[in-house]
Amino acid sequence: MTRDELLNRISINPNICFGKPCIKGHRIWVSLVLDLLASGWSFQQVLDNYPGIEDEDIRACIAYGAEMARERYLDLPVGSGT
């Protein structure tokens, strides 16, 4: 699946989830999925806990996060990269 196909699985609608990016057809925020993965959850744990989403939806969340990182940076404490 291409990057564009993955990103097409993400929806941003001001009337759904307060306009936050979420998995299309679900009210599951991209940021939630990324937080779960960052805290150590496996793809399978996410899928087991959020029925109806697919492996490609999780990859779409990662692709969306990657796109956001290209556009915006967080200020991190000095020395955090060492």
Protein backbone atom coordinates (compact mmCIF):
# COMPACT_ATOMS: atom_id res chain seq x y z
CA MET A 1 0.00 0.00 0.00
CA THR A 2 1.40 3.41 -0.94
CA ARG A 3 1.81 6.35 1.43
CA ASP A 4 -1.10 8.14 -0.24
CA GLU A 5 -3.33 5.08 0.07
CA LEU A 6 -2.44 4.84 3.76
CA LEU A 7 -3.10 8.54 4.36
CA ASN A 8 -6.49 8.17 2.66
CA ARG A 9 -7.48 5.99 5.64
CA ILE A 10 -7.22 9.04 7.93
CA SER A 11 -10.08 11.50 8.26
CA ILE A 12 -10.16 15.06 9.56
CA ASN A 13 -13.68 16.40 10.01
CA PRO A 14 -14.47 19.35 12.30
CA ASN A 15 -17.71 17.60 13.32
CA ILE A 16 -16.05 14.34 14.35
CA CYS A 17 -13.60 13.91 17.23
CA PHE A 18 -13.29 17.68 17.64
CA GLY A 19 -11.58 17.89 14.25
CA LYS A 20 -8.66 15.72 15.33
CA PRO A 21 -7.25 13.25 12.80
CA CYS A 22 -8.84 9.85 13.27
CA ILE A 23 -9.13 6.53 11.49
CA LYS A 24 -11.75 6.92 8.77
CA GLY A 25 -15.04 5.33 9.79
CA HIS A 26 -14.02 5.17 13.46
CA ARG A 27 -13.72 7.63 16.30
CA ILE A 28 -10.20 6.53 17.12
CA TRP A 29 -7.68 9.34 17.17
CA VAL A 30 -4.40 8.94 15.32
CA SER A 31 -2.65 10.32 18.41
CA LEU A 32 -4.17 7.57 20.58
CA VAL A 33 -2.83 4.85 18.31
CA LEU A 34 0.61 6.49 18.20
CA ASP A 35 0.63 6.86 22.00
CA LEU A 36 -0.26 3.18 22.43
CA LEU A 37 2.52 2.09 20.07
CA ALA A 38 4.99 4.44 21.78
CA SER A 39 4.11 2.93 25.16
CA GLY A 40 4.99 -0.53 23.89
CA TRP A 41 1.74 -1.93 22.58
CA SER A 42 2.06 -4.26 19.60
CA PHE A 43 -0.05 -3.96 16.47
CA GLN A 44 -1.95 -7.04 17.66
CA GLN A 45 -2.75 -5.48 21.04
CA VAL A 46 -4.17 -2.40 19.31
CA LEU A 47 -6.23 -4.57 16.96
CA ASP A 48 -7.50 -6.72 19.85
CA ASN A 49 -8.56 -3.68 21.89
CA TYR A 50 -10.11 -1.71 19.02
CA PRO A 51 -12.21 -4.15 16.98
CA GLY A 52 -12.97 -3.09 13.45
CA ILE A 53 -9.67 -1.44 12.66
CA GLU A 54 -7.11 -3.16 10.46
CA ASP A 55 -3.34 -3.44 10.30
CA GLU A 56 -3.36 -0.85 7.50
CA ASP A 57 -5.17 1.62 9.78
CA ILE A 58 -2.32 1.41 12.29
CA ARG A 59 0.23 1.88 9.52
CA ALA A 60 -1.83 4.85 8.31
CA CYS A 61 -1.51 6.43 11.76
CA ILE A 62 2.26 5.98 11.63
CA ALA A 63 2.38 7.45 8.12
CA TYR A 64 0.33 10.44 9.28
CA GLY A 65 2.68 10.96 12.23
CA ALA A 66 5.65 10.84 9.85
CA GLU A 67 4.05 13.48 7.64
CA MET A 68 3.42 15.70 10.65
CA ALA A 69 7.05 15.33 11.78
CA ARG A 70 8.17 16.62 8.39
CA GLU A 71 6.07 19.73 8.87
CA ARG A 72 6.49 20.50 12.56
CA TYR A 73 9.07 20.01 15.26
CA LEU A 74 8.74 19.78 19.01
CA ASP A 75 11.05 21.72 21.28
CA LEU A 76 12.90 19.06 23.25
CA PRO A 77 15.15 19.67 26.25
CA VAL A 78 18.78 20.40 25.39
CA GLY A 79 20.81 17.20 25.40
CA SER A 80 17.81 14.95 24.82
CA GLY A 81 19.35 13.67 21.58
CA THR A 82 22.48 12.29 23.23
